[in-house]
């Protein structure tokens, strides 16, 4: 029996994402319109809409649809926003951000992720995304500042230099802490506020895991 991808996508939005308090019409429209199944690895295409993290390779995971929806809603993007994504992964969130914002710069340490995401983005005619293969925690140094930063992997502790990459009024979504009870957090740079949105558990970005502690 062939999976009805259109029906599965609509069910994902209605029965998973909306019930997780994602009510922003623009976000729901993007998640309904974009073909998530075209971004997941081929082996997982039939479970592209399940309430699951999906393996991408290199120990990295694609976020659950509900977490993606909450992140996109929390950032409150406008069509004029310039967005930085840390962790391209499959490229699906890059595509969502591109539909909601003016321009997206997306970083990933894995060149094969950048290449695969580029192919998927071109197929969806996303021409406002720049993909860069680089390490974001220690190495990347932007030439500009951004209206919003979306971090798609976890960090044990927020790299403080990321806050300097935000424009006045900027906001940053990140999952931080120690597994298995990490906190999805929205930071607003002007207000100096940090709002905990929900608890979840994500794979750490490279160079962002907790430092091992040795006990004698």
C-alpha atoms as a PDB file:
ATOM      1  CA  UNK A   1       0.000   0.000   0.000  1.00  0.00           C
ATOM      2  CA  UNK A   2       1.414   3.375  -1.045  1.00  0.00           C
ATOM      3  CA  UNK A   3       1.540   6.044   1.634  1.00  0.00           C
ATOM      4  CA  UNK A   4      -0.614   9.095   0.930  1.00  0.00           C
ATOM      5  CA  UNK A   5       1.997  11.770   1.674  1.00  0.00           C
ATOM      6  CA  UNK A   6      -0.454  14.658   1.347  1.00  0.00           C
ATOM      7  CA  UNK A   7      -2.822  13.133   3.890  1.00  0.00           C
ATOM      8  CA  UNK A   8       0.055  12.184   6.196  1.00  0.00           C
ATOM      9  CA  UNK A   9       1.362  15.759   6.081  1.00  0.00           C
ATOM     10  CA  UNK A  10      -2.046  17.223   6.886  1.00  0.00           C
ATOM     11  CA  UNK A  11      -2.452  14.771   9.780  1.00  0.00           C
ATOM     12  CA  UNK A  12       0.999  15.714  11.105  1.00  0.00           C
ATOM     13  CA  UNK A  13       0.053  19.394  11.168  1.00  0.00           C
ATOM     14  CA  UNK A  14      -3.450  18.874  12.586  1.00  0.00           C
ATOM     15  CA  UNK A  15      -2.848  16.058  15.060  1.00  0.00           C
ATOM     16  CA  UNK A  16       0.739  16.686  16.208  1.00  0.00           C
ATOM     17  CA  UNK A  17       1.861  20.253  15.604  1.00  0.00           C
ATOM     18  CA  UNK A  18      -1.378  22.122  16.344  1.00  0.00           C
ATOM     19  CA  UNK A  19      -1.994  20.108  19.506  1.00  0.00           C
ATOM     20  CA  UNK A  20       1.441  21.190  20.733  1.00  0.00           C
ATOM     21  CA  UNK A  21       0.228  24.802  20.893  1.00  0.00           C
ATOM     22  CA  UNK A  22       1.502  25.820  17.468  1.00  0.00           C
ATOM     23  CA  UNK A  23      -1.281  28.129  16.296  1.00  0.00           C
ATOM     24  CA  UNK A  24       0.593  30.634  14.109  1.00  0.00           C
ATOM     25  CA  UNK A  25      -1.164  30.420  10.730  1.00  0.00           C
ATOM     26  CA  UNK A  26       1.995  31.234   8.736  1.00  0.00           C
ATOM     27  CA  UNK A  27       3.937  28.439  10.433  1.00  0.00           C
ATOM     28  CA  UNK A  28       1.128  25.932   9.932  1.00  0.00           C
ATOM     29  CA  UNK A  29       0.825  26.924   6.278  1.00  0.00           C
ATOM     30  CA  UNK A  30       4.553  26.392   5.699  1.00  0.00           C
ATOM     31  CA  UNK A  31       4.541  22.984   7.387  1.00  0.00           C
ATOM     32  CA  UNK A  32       1.512  22.017   5.305  1.00  0.00           C
ATOM     33  CA  UNK A  33       2.980  23.210   2.012  1.00  0.00           C
ATOM     34  CA  UNK A  34       6.567  21.933   2.232  1.00  0.00           C
ATOM     35  CA  UNK A  35       7.194  18.315   1.310  1.00  0.00           C
ATOM     36  CA  UNK A  36       9.011  17.113   4.427  1.00  0.00           C
ATOM     37  CA  UNK A  37       9.382  13.666   2.863  1.00  0.00           C
ATOM     38  CA  UNK A  38      11.732  15.139   0.236  1.00  0.00           C
ATOM     39  CA  UNK A  39      14.187  16.252   2.937  1.00  0.00           C
ATOM     40  CA  UNK A  40      14.450  13.126   5.096  1.00  0.00           C
ATOM     41  CA  UNK A  41      16.899  10.323   4.197  1.00  0.00           C
ATOM     42  CA  UNK A  42      15.352   7.927   1.677  1.00  0.00           C
ATOM     43  CA  UNK A  43      15.251   5.056   4.182  1.00  0.00           C
ATOM     44  CA  UNK A  44      12.936   7.075   6.437  1.00  0.00           C
ATOM     45  CA  UNK A  45      10.693   8.622   3.799  1.00  0.00           C
ATOM     46  CA  UNK A  46       7.644   6.610   4.879  1.00  0.00           C
ATOM     47  CA  UNK A  47       7.958   7.859   8.477  1.00  0.00           C
ATOM     48  CA  UNK A  48       8.700  11.480   7.537  1.00  0.00           C
ATOM     49  CA  UNK A  49       5.574  12.643   9.400  1.00  0.00           C
ATOM     50  CA  UNK A  50       5.838  10.453  12.500  1.00  0.00           C
ATOM     51  CA  UNK A  51       6.331  11.930  15.966  1.00  0.00           C
ATOM     52  CA  UNK A  52       9.955  10.810  15.891  1.00  0.00           C
ATOM     53  CA  UNK A  53      13.475  12.128  15.549  1.00  0.00           C
ATOM     54  CA  UNK A  54      15.005  10.746  12.349  1.00  0.00           C
ATOM     55  CA  UNK A  55      18.694   9.795  11.913  1.00  0.00           C
ATOM     56  CA  UNK A  56      20.608  11.909   9.400  1.00  0.00           C
ATOM     57  CA  UNK A  57      24.090  10.403   9.752  1.00  0.00           C
ATOM     58  CA  UNK A  58      27.163  11.469  11.758  1.00  0.00           C
ATOM     59  CA  UNK A  59      25.120  10.855  14.927  1.00  0.00           C
ATOM     60  CA  UNK A  60      22.853  13.799  14.051  1.00  0.00           C
ATOM     61  CA  UNK A  61      19.068  13.724  14.237  1.00  0.00           C
ATOM     62  CA  UNK A  62      16.228  15.566  12.510  1.00  0.00           C
ATOM     63  CA  UNK A  63      13.952  17.168  15.096  1.00  0.00           C
ATOM     64  CA  UNK A  64      10.405  15.981  15.701  1.00  0.00           C
ATOM     65  CA  UNK A  65       7.771  17.972  13.772  1.00  0.00           C
ATOM     66  CA  UNK A  66       6.331  19.345  17.010  1.00  0.00           C
ATOM     67  CA  UNK A  67       9.695  20.795  18.065  1.00  0.00           C
ATOM     68  CA  UNK A  68      10.198  22.280  14.604  1.00  0.00           C
ATOM     69  CA  UNK A  69       6.783  23.941  14.803  1.00  0.00           C
ATOM     70  CA  UNK A  70       7.368  25.386  18.261  1.00  0.00           C
ATOM     71  CA  UNK A  71      10.751  26.762  17.221  1.00  0.00           C
ATOM     72  CA  UNK A  72       9.405  28.421  14.078  1.00  0.00           C
ATOM     73  CA  UNK A  73       6.518  29.958  16.018  1.00  0.00           C
ATOM     74  CA  UNK A  74       8.704  31.213  18.874  1.00  0.00           C
ATOM     75  CA  UNK A  75      11.029  33.144  16.544  1.00  0.00           C
ATOM     76  CA  UNK A  76       8.121  35.314  15.275  1.00  0.00           C
ATOM     77  CA  UNK A  77       9.747  35.819  11.883  1.00  0.00           C
ATOM     78  CA  UNK A  78       8.772  38.509   9.407  1.00  0.00           C
ATOM     79  CA  UNK A  79       9.346  38.664   5.663  1.00  0.00           C
ATOM     80  CA  UNK A  80      12.126  41.223   6.213  1.00  0.00           C
ATOM     81  CA  UNK A  81      14.128  39.189   8.741  1.00  0.00           C
ATOM     82  CA  UNK A  82      17.673  38.014   8.111  1.00  0.00           C
ATOM     83  CA  UNK A  83      18.050  34.647   9.866  1.00  0.00           C
ATOM     84  CA  UNK A  84      21.007  32.481  10.864  1.00  0.00           C
ATOM     85  CA  UNK A  85      20.442  28.746  11.228  1.00  0.00           C
ATOM     86  CA  UNK A  86      23.051  26.790  13.173  1.00  0.00           C
ATOM     87  CA  UNK A  87      22.805  23.187  12.030  1.00  0.00           C
ATOM     88  CA  UNK A  88      21.507  22.738   8.477  1.00  0.00           C
ATOM     89  CA  UNK A  89      20.900  19.018   8.872  1.00  0.00           C
ATOM     90  CA  UNK A  90      18.367  17.866   6.282  1.00  0.00           C
ATOM     91  CA  UNK A  91      17.651  21.392   5.061  1.00  0.00           C
ATOM     92  CA  UNK A  92      13.965  21.155   6.008  1.00  0.00           C
ATOM     93  CA  UNK A  93      14.119  23.881   8.654  1.00  0.00           C
ATOM     94  CA  UNK A  94      16.198  25.970   6.242  1.00  0.00           C
ATOM     95  CA  UNK A  95      13.306  25.741   3.775  1.00  0.00           C
ATOM     96  CA  UNK A  96      10.747  26.642   6.443  1.00  0.00           C
ATOM     97  CA  UNK A  97      12.798  29.643   7.550  1.00  0.00           C
ATOM     98  CA  UNK A  98      13.187  30.713   3.918  1.00  0.00           C
ATOM     99  CA  UNK A  99       9.393  30.784   3.495  1.00  0.00           C
ATOM    100  CA  UNK A 100       8.917  32.824   6.684  1.00  0.00           C
ATOM    101  CA  UNK A 101      11.855  35.259   6.463  1.00  0.00           C
ATOM    102  CA  UNK A 102      13.705  37.386   3.928  1.00  0.00           C
ATOM    103  CA  UNK A 103      17.058  35.592   3.889  1.00  0.00           C
ATOM    104  CA  UNK A 104      18.600  32.580   5.625  1.00  0.00           C
ATOM    105  CA  UNK A 105      22.253  31.762   6.220  1.00  0.00           C
ATOM    106  CA  UNK A 106      22.593  28.135   7.314  1.00  0.00           C
ATOM    107  CA  UNK A 107      25.715  26.564   8.809  1.00  0.00           C
ATOM    108  CA  UNK A 108      26.691  22.913   9.102  1.00  0.00           C
ATOM    109  CA  UNK A 109      29.965  21.229   9.929  1.00  0.00           C
ATOM    110  CA  UNK A 110      29.252  18.282   7.599  1.00  0.00           C
ATOM    111  CA  UNK A 111      29.883  18.936   3.901  1.00  0.00           C
ATOM    112  CA  UNK A 112      27.610  16.061   2.835  1.00  0.00           C
ATOM    113  CA  UNK A 113      24.714  17.618   4.781  1.00  0.00           C
ATOM    114  CA  UNK A 114      25.323  20.934   3.055  1.00  0.00           C
ATOM    115  CA  UNK A 115      25.374  19.228  -0.357  1.00  0.00           C
ATOM    116  CA  UNK A 116      22.190  17.194   0.224  1.00  0.00           C
ATOM    117  CA  UNK A 117      20.340  20.146   1.714  1.00  0.00           C
ATOM    118  CA  UNK A 118      21.376  22.292  -1.234  1.00  0.00           C
ATOM    119  CA  UNK A 119      19.868  19.809  -3.673  1.00  0.00           C
ATOM    120  CA  UNK A 120      16.607  19.613  -1.722  1.00  0.00           C
ATOM    121  CA  UNK A 121      16.375  23.387  -1.403  1.00  0.00           C
ATOM    122  CA  UNK A 122      16.947  23.904  -5.122  1.00  0.00           C
ATOM    123  CA  UNK A 123      14.155  21.424  -5.837  1.00  0.00           C
ATOM    124  CA  UNK A 124      11.783  23.545  -3.743  1.00  0.00           C
ATOM    125  CA  UNK A 125      13.022  26.730  -5.455  1.00  0.00           C
ATOM    126  CA  UNK A 126      14.325  28.261  -2.229  1.00  0.00           C
ATOM    127  CA  UNK A 127      16.649  30.908  -3.648  1.00  0.00           C
ATOM    128  CA  UNK A 128      17.030  32.972  -0.453  1.00  0.00           C
ATOM    129  CA  UNK A 129      19.175  30.461   1.479  1.00  0.00           C
ATOM    130  CA  UNK A 130      22.979  30.545   1.682  1.00  0.00           C
ATOM    131  CA  UNK A 131      24.582  27.298   2.872  1.00  0.00           C
ATOM    132  CA  UNK A 132      28.013  27.392   4.508  1.00  0.00           C
ATOM    133  CA  UNK A 133      30.075  24.396   5.647  1.00  0.00           C
ATOM    134  CA  UNK A 134      31.712  25.534   8.873  1.00  0.00           C
ATOM    135  CA  UNK A 135      31.934  24.883  12.605  1.00  0.00           C
ATOM    136  CA  UNK A 136      29.632  27.250  14.499  1.00  0.00           C
ATOM    137  CA  UNK A 137      30.578  26.899  18.165  1.00  0.00           C
ATOM    138  CA  UNK A 138      34.237  27.925  17.914  1.00  0.00           C
ATOM    139  CA  UNK A 139      35.108  29.003  14.365  1.00  0.00           C
ATOM    140  CA  UNK A 140      32.395  30.845  12.440  1.00  0.00           C
ATOM    141  CA  UNK A 141      32.715  34.627  12.486  1.00  0.00           C
ATOM    142  CA  UNK A 142      29.841  36.379  10.708  1.00  0.00           C
ATOM    143  CA  UNK A 143      30.336  39.548   8.711  1.00  0.00           C
ATOM    144  CA  UNK A 144      26.893  40.792   9.752  1.00  0.00           C
ATOM    145  CA  UNK A 145      24.314  40.502  12.505  1.00  0.00           C
ATOM    146  CA  UNK A 146      20.971  38.754  12.308  1.00  0.00           C
ATOM    147  CA  UNK A 147      17.377  39.365  13.331  1.00  0.00           C
ATOM    148  CA  UNK A 148      17.005  35.784  14.558  1.00  0.00           C
ATOM    149  CA  UNK A 149      19.111  32.694  15.189  1.00  0.00           C
ATOM    150  CA  UNK A 150      17.641  29.172  15.063  1.00  0.00           C
ATOM    151  CA  UNK A 151      19.812  26.468  16.636  1.00  0.00           C
ATOM    152  CA  UNK A 152      18.739  22.977  15.583  1.00  0.00           C
ATOM    153  CA  UNK A 153      21.076  20.999  17.879  1.00  0.00           C
ATOM    154  CA  UNK A 154      21.530  21.156  21.631  1.00  0.00           C
ATOM    155  CA  UNK A 155      24.228  22.923  23.634  1.00  0.00           C
ATOM    156  CA  UNK A 156      25.224  22.178  27.215  1.00  0.00           C
ATOM    157  CA  UNK A 157      25.935  25.873  27.748  1.00  0.00           C
ATOM    158  CA  UNK A 158      25.038  28.707  25.394  1.00  0.00           C
ATOM    159  CA  UNK A 159      28.121  30.140  23.621  1.00  0.00           C
ATOM    160  CA  UNK A 160      27.939  33.775  24.689  1.00  0.00           C
ATOM    161  CA  UNK A 161      29.455  34.974  21.424  1.00  0.00           C
ATOM    162  CA  UNK A 162      26.278  33.935  19.620  1.00  0.00           C
ATOM    163  CA  UNK A 163      24.412  36.741  21.372  1.00  0.00           C
ATOM    164  CA  UNK A 164      26.773  39.233  19.744  1.00  0.00           C
ATOM    165  CA  UNK A 165      25.572  38.020  16.350  1.00  0.00           C
ATOM    166  CA  UNK A 166      22.069  39.415  16.940  1.00  0.00           C
ATOM    167  CA  UNK A 167      20.764  42.814  15.892  1.00  0.00           C
ATOM    168  CA  UNK A 168      18.879  45.004  18.365  1.00  0.00           C
ATOM    169  CA  UNK A 169      15.526  43.310  18.875  1.00  0.00           C
ATOM    170  CA  UNK A 170      17.008  39.960  17.890  1.00  0.00           C
ATOM    171  CA  UNK A 171      15.912  36.613  19.293  1.00  0.00           C
ATOM    172  CA  UNK A 172      17.550  33.221  19.557  1.00  0.00           C
ATOM    173  CA  UNK A 173      15.985  29.781  19.919  1.00  0.00           C
ATOM    174  CA  UNK A 174      18.171  27.091  21.452  1.00  0.00           C
ATOM    175  CA  UNK A 175      17.825  23.807  23.335  1.00  0.00           C
ATOM    176  CA  UNK A 176      20.275  23.780  26.223  1.00  0.00           C
ATOM    177  CA  UNK A 177      21.199  21.750  29.278  1.00  0.00           C
ATOM    178  CA  UNK A 178      21.953  18.118  29.994  1.00  0.00           C
ATOM    179  CA  UNK A 179      20.139  15.097  28.602  1.00  0.00           C
ATOM    180  CA  UNK A 180      17.514  13.857  29.070  1.00  0.00           C
ATOM    181  CA  UNK A 181      15.796  16.989  30.433  1.00  0.00           C
ATOM    182  CA  UNK A 182      16.946  19.886  28.250  1.00  0.00           C
ATOM    183  CA  UNK A 183      15.143  23.211  28.013  1.00  0.00           C
ATOM    184  CA  UNK A 184      13.993  24.774  24.759  1.00  0.00           C
ATOM    185  CA  UNK A 185      14.624  28.458  25.359  1.00  0.00           C
ATOM    186  CA  UNK A 186      13.922  31.736  23.574  1.00  0.00           C
ATOM    187  CA  UNK A 187      16.336  34.583  24.321  1.00  0.00           C
ATOM    188  CA  UNK A 188      15.566  38.199  23.444  1.00  0.00           C
ATOM    189  CA  UNK A 189      18.748  40.223  23.261  1.00  0.00           C
ATOM    190  CA  UNK A 190      17.298  43.694  23.916  1.00  0.00           C
ATOM    191  CA  UNK A 191      15.142  42.725  26.855  1.00  0.00           C
ATOM    192  CA  UNK A 192      17.809  40.461  28.279  1.00  0.00           C
ATOM    193  CA  UNK A 193      15.123  37.837  28.861  1.00  0.00           C
ATOM    194  CA  UNK A 194      15.262  34.072  28.644  1.00  0.00           C
ATOM    195  CA  UNK A 195      11.943  32.232  28.329  1.00  0.00           C
ATOM    196  CA  UNK A 196      11.782  28.477  28.830  1.00  0.00           C
ATOM    197  CA  UNK A 197       9.253  27.138  26.328  1.00  0.00           C
ATOM    198  CA  UNK A 198       9.252  23.373  26.971  1.00  0.00           C
ATOM    199  CA  UNK A 199      11.471  20.416  27.842  1.00  0.00           C
ATOM    200  CA  UNK A 200      12.913  18.129  25.179  1.00  0.00           C
ATOM    201  CA  UNK A 201      16.060  16.172  24.336  1.00  0.00           C
ATOM    202  CA  UNK A 202      18.256  16.746  21.265  1.00  0.00           C
ATOM    203  CA  UNK A 203      21.635  15.547  20.080  1.00  0.00           C
ATOM    204  CA  UNK A 204      24.389  18.026  20.894  1.00  0.00           C
ATOM    205  CA  UNK A 205      26.088  20.118  18.274  1.00  0.00           C
ATOM    206  CA  UNK A 206      29.736  19.235  17.831  1.00  0.00           C
ATOM    207  CA  UNK A 207      31.888  20.960  20.481  1.00  0.00           C
ATOM    208  CA  UNK A 208      28.746  21.823  22.488  1.00  0.00           C
ATOM    209  CA  UNK A 209      28.347  18.704  24.650  1.00  0.00           C
ATOM    210  CA  UNK A 210      28.990  18.818  28.405  1.00  0.00           C
ATOM    211  CA  UNK A 211      32.604  18.483  29.486  1.00  0.00           C
ATOM    212  CA  UNK A 212      33.231  15.006  30.861  1.00  0.00           C
ATOM    213  CA  UNK A 213      33.716  14.934  34.609  1.00  0.00           C
ATOM    214  CA  UNK A 214      35.994  12.339  36.144  1.00  0.00           C
ATOM    215  CA  UNK A 215      35.243  11.175  39.664  1.00  0.00           C
ATOM    216  CA  UNK A 216      37.859   9.241  41.646  1.00  0.00           C
END
